[in-house]
């Protein structure tokens, strides 16, 4: 398992290298963009109570979709679509786990850590995952849900 750390706008790997950044409008928090390496993904909300989060690439194609009502993530790869589902740790727990849909294999575990003055997040990632967009989108989704 690899250990990533995040704050509300940046994601770092276990060597403290910057993996991704989040940009948004200061006033409304809308117009969210995730930057990973030299690629920028736009986030658009849709569905009932904006429960569907769609990430678009530079060509305006949907690359990843998070459906919070059905607790699933769809990653649209070229020949096929990968399906994941997530489970929350409970009402008072700030832990969320992401599983592969086919075999219920644990891939990512997100945890919130609070200290006296700040909050940071720890993300444990399986060695089988190399998809930085999936890691950063899942992390951003959980941070956004915890911050309200």
C-alpha atoms as a PDB file:
ATOM      1  CA  UNK A   1       0.000   0.000   0.000  1.00  0.00           C
ATOM      2  CA  UNK A   2       1.168   3.503  -0.867  1.00  0.00           C
ATOM      3  CA  UNK A   3       0.384   6.393   1.463  1.00  0.00           C
ATOM      4  CA  UNK A   4      -0.750   9.736   0.058  1.00  0.00           C
ATOM      5  CA  UNK A   5      -1.434  12.903   2.054  1.00  0.00           C
ATOM      6  CA  UNK A   6      -3.740  15.768   1.138  1.00  0.00           C
ATOM      7  CA  UNK A   7      -5.022  19.083   2.322  1.00  0.00           C
ATOM      8  CA  UNK A   8      -8.072  20.826   0.889  1.00  0.00           C
ATOM      9  CA  UNK A   9      -6.322  21.880  -2.339  1.00  0.00           C
ATOM     10  CA  UNK A  10      -3.292  19.600  -2.913  1.00  0.00           C
ATOM     11  CA  UNK A  11      -2.445  15.897  -3.046  1.00  0.00           C
ATOM     12  CA  UNK A  12       1.057  14.558  -2.275  1.00  0.00           C
ATOM     13  CA  UNK A  13       2.496  11.069  -2.708  1.00  0.00           C
ATOM     14  CA  UNK A  14       4.590   9.223  -0.110  1.00  0.00           C
ATOM     15  CA  UNK A  15       7.771  11.006  -1.302  1.00  0.00           C
ATOM     16  CA  UNK A  16       6.056  14.387  -0.754  1.00  0.00           C
ATOM     17  CA  UNK A  17       5.891  15.036  -4.515  1.00  0.00           C
ATOM     18  CA  UNK A  18       2.916  17.061  -5.685  1.00  0.00           C
ATOM     19  CA  UNK A  19       0.459  14.801  -7.529  1.00  0.00           C
ATOM     20  CA  UNK A  20      -2.396  17.230  -8.128  1.00  0.00           C
ATOM     21  CA  UNK A  21      -3.939  20.603  -7.340  1.00  0.00           C
ATOM     22  CA  UNK A  22      -7.501  21.872  -7.140  1.00  0.00           C
ATOM     23  CA  UNK A  23      -8.583  25.267  -8.433  1.00  0.00           C
ATOM     24  CA  UNK A  24     -12.014  26.857  -7.895  1.00  0.00           C
ATOM     25  CA  UNK A  25     -13.801  30.200  -7.880  1.00  0.00           C
ATOM     26  CA  UNK A  26     -13.083  31.976  -4.619  1.00  0.00           C
ATOM     27  CA  UNK A  27     -16.612  33.266  -4.047  1.00  0.00           C
ATOM     28  CA  UNK A  28     -18.883  30.422  -5.114  1.00  0.00           C
ATOM     29  CA  UNK A  29     -16.592  27.394  -5.064  1.00  0.00           C
ATOM     30  CA  UNK A  30     -17.893  26.478  -8.509  1.00  0.00           C
ATOM     31  CA  UNK A  31     -15.867  26.097 -11.707  1.00  0.00           C
ATOM     32  CA  UNK A  32     -13.649  23.464 -10.078  1.00  0.00           C
ATOM     33  CA  UNK A  33     -10.618  22.212 -11.959  1.00  0.00           C
ATOM     34  CA  UNK A  34      -8.247  19.422 -10.975  1.00  0.00           C
ATOM     35  CA  UNK A  35      -4.702  19.632 -12.282  1.00  0.00           C
ATOM     36  CA  UNK A  36      -2.671  16.431 -12.487  1.00  0.00           C
ATOM     37  CA  UNK A  37       0.756  16.813 -14.045  1.00  0.00           C
ATOM     38  CA  UNK A  38       0.203  18.949 -17.131  1.00  0.00           C
ATOM     39  CA  UNK A  39      -3.463  17.922 -17.630  1.00  0.00           C
ATOM     40  CA  UNK A  40      -6.466  19.835 -16.347  1.00  0.00           C
ATOM     41  CA  UNK A  41      -9.864  18.232 -15.728  1.00  0.00           C
ATOM     42  CA  UNK A  42     -13.064  20.266 -15.360  1.00  0.00           C
ATOM     43  CA  UNK A  43     -15.680  19.227 -12.823  1.00  0.00           C
ATOM     44  CA  UNK A  44     -19.380  19.658 -13.540  1.00  0.00           C
ATOM     45  CA  UNK A  45     -22.256  18.713 -11.253  1.00  0.00           C
ATOM     46  CA  UNK A  46     -25.578  17.271 -12.377  1.00  0.00           C
ATOM     47  CA  UNK A  47     -28.399  15.089 -11.108  1.00  0.00           C
ATOM     48  CA  UNK A  48     -30.719  15.458  -8.157  1.00  0.00           C
ATOM     49  CA  UNK A  49     -29.082  17.748  -5.563  1.00  0.00           C
ATOM     50  CA  UNK A  50     -25.931  17.727  -7.737  1.00  0.00           C
ATOM     51  CA  UNK A  51     -25.204  14.144  -6.731  1.00  0.00           C
ATOM     52  CA  UNK A  52     -23.338  13.301  -9.946  1.00  0.00           C
ATOM     53  CA  UNK A  53     -19.804  14.658 -10.377  1.00  0.00           C
ATOM     54  CA  UNK A  54     -18.426  14.443 -13.925  1.00  0.00           C
ATOM     55  CA  UNK A  55     -14.783  15.104 -14.752  1.00  0.00           C
ATOM     56  CA  UNK A  56     -14.065  16.281 -18.308  1.00  0.00           C
ATOM     57  CA  UNK A  57     -10.733  16.321 -20.149  1.00  0.00           C
ATOM     58  CA  UNK A  58      -9.419  19.036 -22.492  1.00  0.00           C
ATOM     59  CA  UNK A  59     -11.510  17.694 -25.390  1.00  0.00           C
ATOM     60  CA  UNK A  60     -14.687  17.957 -23.256  1.00  0.00           C
ATOM     61  CA  UNK A  61     -15.096  14.170 -22.977  1.00  0.00           C
ATOM     62  CA  UNK A  62     -16.291  12.609 -19.725  1.00  0.00           C
ATOM     63  CA  UNK A  63     -13.341  10.743 -18.225  1.00  0.00           C
ATOM     64  CA  UNK A  64     -14.643   9.917 -14.748  1.00  0.00           C
ATOM     65  CA  UNK A  65     -18.057  10.080 -13.091  1.00  0.00           C
ATOM     66  CA  UNK A  66     -18.875   9.848  -9.381  1.00  0.00           C
ATOM     67  CA  UNK A  67     -22.496   9.061  -8.521  1.00  0.00           C
ATOM     68  CA  UNK A  68     -22.887   9.714  -4.807  1.00  0.00           C
ATOM     69  CA  UNK A  69     -26.489   8.444  -4.630  1.00  0.00           C
ATOM     70  CA  UNK A  70     -25.530   5.011  -5.961  1.00  0.00           C
ATOM     71  CA  UNK A  71     -22.052   5.132  -4.348  1.00  0.00           C
ATOM     72  CA  UNK A  72     -20.158   4.247  -7.473  1.00  0.00           C
ATOM     73  CA  UNK A  73     -17.405   5.602  -9.691  1.00  0.00           C
ATOM     74  CA  UNK A  74     -17.198   5.002 -13.427  1.00  0.00           C
ATOM     75  CA  UNK A  75     -13.838   5.515 -15.125  1.00  0.00           C
ATOM     76  CA  UNK A  76     -14.205   5.713 -18.891  1.00  0.00           C
ATOM     77  CA  UNK A  77     -11.110   4.170 -20.420  1.00  0.00           C
ATOM     78  CA  UNK A  78     -10.721   3.707 -24.162  1.00  0.00           C
ATOM     79  CA  UNK A  79     -11.679   0.066 -24.773  1.00  0.00           C
ATOM     80  CA  UNK A  80     -13.869  -0.395 -21.665  1.00  0.00           C
ATOM     81  CA  UNK A  81     -15.305   1.261 -18.565  1.00  0.00           C
ATOM     82  CA  UNK A  82     -13.980   0.451 -15.091  1.00  0.00           C
ATOM     83  CA  UNK A  83     -16.569   0.363 -12.298  1.00  0.00           C
ATOM     84  CA  UNK A  84     -15.831   0.958  -8.614  1.00  0.00           C
ATOM     85  CA  UNK A  85     -18.041   1.310  -5.558  1.00  0.00           C
ATOM     86  CA  UNK A  86     -17.371   2.976  -2.227  1.00  0.00           C
ATOM     87  CA  UNK A  87     -18.516   2.465   1.348  1.00  0.00           C
ATOM     88  CA  UNK A  88     -18.534   4.956   4.194  1.00  0.00           C
ATOM     89  CA  UNK A  89     -17.219   3.973   7.606  1.00  0.00           C
ATOM     90  CA  UNK A  90     -20.334   5.083   9.444  1.00  0.00           C
ATOM     91  CA  UNK A  91     -22.069   8.161  10.763  1.00  0.00           C
ATOM     92  CA  UNK A  92     -19.244   9.423  12.994  1.00  0.00           C
ATOM     93  CA  UNK A  93     -16.375   7.966  10.988  1.00  0.00           C
ATOM     94  CA  UNK A  94     -14.529  10.008   8.389  1.00  0.00           C
ATOM     95  CA  UNK A  95     -13.277   6.887   6.624  1.00  0.00           C
ATOM     96  CA  UNK A  96     -14.344   5.877   3.123  1.00  0.00           C
ATOM     97  CA  UNK A  97     -13.142   2.861   1.163  1.00  0.00           C
ATOM     98  CA  UNK A  98     -13.131   2.315  -2.602  1.00  0.00           C
ATOM     99  CA  UNK A  99     -13.542  -1.209  -3.974  1.00  0.00           C
ATOM    100  CA  UNK A 100     -13.337  -2.727  -7.429  1.00  0.00           C
ATOM    101  CA  UNK A 101     -16.832  -3.734  -8.514  1.00  0.00           C
ATOM    102  CA  UNK A 102     -15.951  -7.149  -9.981  1.00  0.00           C
ATOM    103  CA  UNK A 103     -14.258  -8.731  -6.987  1.00  0.00           C
ATOM    104  CA  UNK A 104     -14.733  -6.345  -4.004  1.00  0.00           C
ATOM    105  CA  UNK A 105     -10.975  -5.791  -3.793  1.00  0.00           C
ATOM    106  CA  UNK A 106     -10.009  -2.855  -1.550  1.00  0.00           C
ATOM    107  CA  UNK A 107      -8.168  -0.252  -3.632  1.00  0.00           C
ATOM    108  CA  UNK A 108      -8.249   3.073  -1.764  1.00  0.00           C
ATOM    109  CA  UNK A 109      -8.941   3.998   1.842  1.00  0.00           C
ATOM    110  CA  UNK A 110      -9.527   7.651   2.731  1.00  0.00           C
ATOM    111  CA  UNK A 111      -9.166   8.888   6.327  1.00  0.00           C
ATOM    112  CA  UNK A 112      -9.543  12.298   7.919  1.00  0.00           C
ATOM    113  CA  UNK A 113      -7.009  13.223  10.618  1.00  0.00           C
ATOM    114  CA  UNK A 114      -7.642  16.184  12.910  1.00  0.00           C
ATOM    115  CA  UNK A 115      -5.071  17.996  14.939  1.00  0.00           C
ATOM    116  CA  UNK A 116      -5.659  20.977  17.185  1.00  0.00           C
ATOM    117  CA  UNK A 117      -5.366  23.655  14.496  1.00  0.00           C
ATOM    118  CA  UNK A 118      -5.769  21.904  11.168  1.00  0.00           C
ATOM    119  CA  UNK A 119      -7.198  18.963   9.301  1.00  0.00           C
ATOM    120  CA  UNK A 120      -5.273  16.736   6.931  1.00  0.00           C
ATOM    121  CA  UNK A 121      -6.190  13.622   5.031  1.00  0.00           C
ATOM    122  CA  UNK A 122      -4.448  10.287   4.571  1.00  0.00           C
ATOM    123  CA  UNK A 123      -5.116   8.103   1.574  1.00  0.00           C
ATOM    124  CA  UNK A 124      -3.898   4.500   1.467  1.00  0.00           C
ATOM    125  CA  UNK A 125      -3.695   3.257  -2.108  1.00  0.00           C
ATOM    126  CA  UNK A 126      -3.206  -0.288  -3.322  1.00  0.00           C
ATOM    127  CA  UNK A 127      -0.061  -0.965  -5.332  1.00  0.00           C
ATOM    128  CA  UNK A 128      -2.293  -2.064  -8.221  1.00  0.00           C
ATOM    129  CA  UNK A 129      -3.557   1.492  -8.838  1.00  0.00           C
ATOM    130  CA  UNK A 130      -1.541   3.879 -10.987  1.00  0.00           C
ATOM    131  CA  UNK A 131      -4.427   6.169 -11.928  1.00  0.00           C
ATOM    132  CA  UNK A 132      -3.752   9.579 -10.375  1.00  0.00           C
ATOM    133  CA  UNK A 133      -7.074  10.965 -11.639  1.00  0.00           C
ATOM    134  CA  UNK A 134      -9.021   8.254  -9.807  1.00  0.00           C
ATOM    135  CA  UNK A 135      -7.059   8.864  -6.589  1.00  0.00           C
ATOM    136  CA  UNK A 136      -7.368  12.663  -6.721  1.00  0.00           C
ATOM    137  CA  UNK A 137     -11.056  12.653  -7.775  1.00  0.00           C
ATOM    138  CA  UNK A 138     -11.957  10.225  -4.955  1.00  0.00           C
ATOM    139  CA  UNK A 139      -9.962  12.331  -2.491  1.00  0.00           C
ATOM    140  CA  UNK A 140     -11.550  15.590  -3.660  1.00  0.00           C
ATOM    141  CA  UNK A 141     -15.027  14.050  -3.465  1.00  0.00           C
ATOM    142  CA  UNK A 142     -14.468  12.967   0.147  1.00  0.00           C
ATOM    143  CA  UNK A 143     -12.921  16.275   1.208  1.00  0.00           C
ATOM    144  CA  UNK A 144     -15.829  18.136  -0.386  1.00  0.00           C
ATOM    145  CA  UNK A 145     -18.344  15.870   1.402  1.00  0.00           C
ATOM    146  CA  UNK A 146     -16.657  16.355   4.790  1.00  0.00           C
ATOM    147  CA  UNK A 147     -16.382  20.120   4.449  1.00  0.00           C
ATOM    148  CA  UNK A 148     -20.046  20.384   3.524  1.00  0.00           C
END
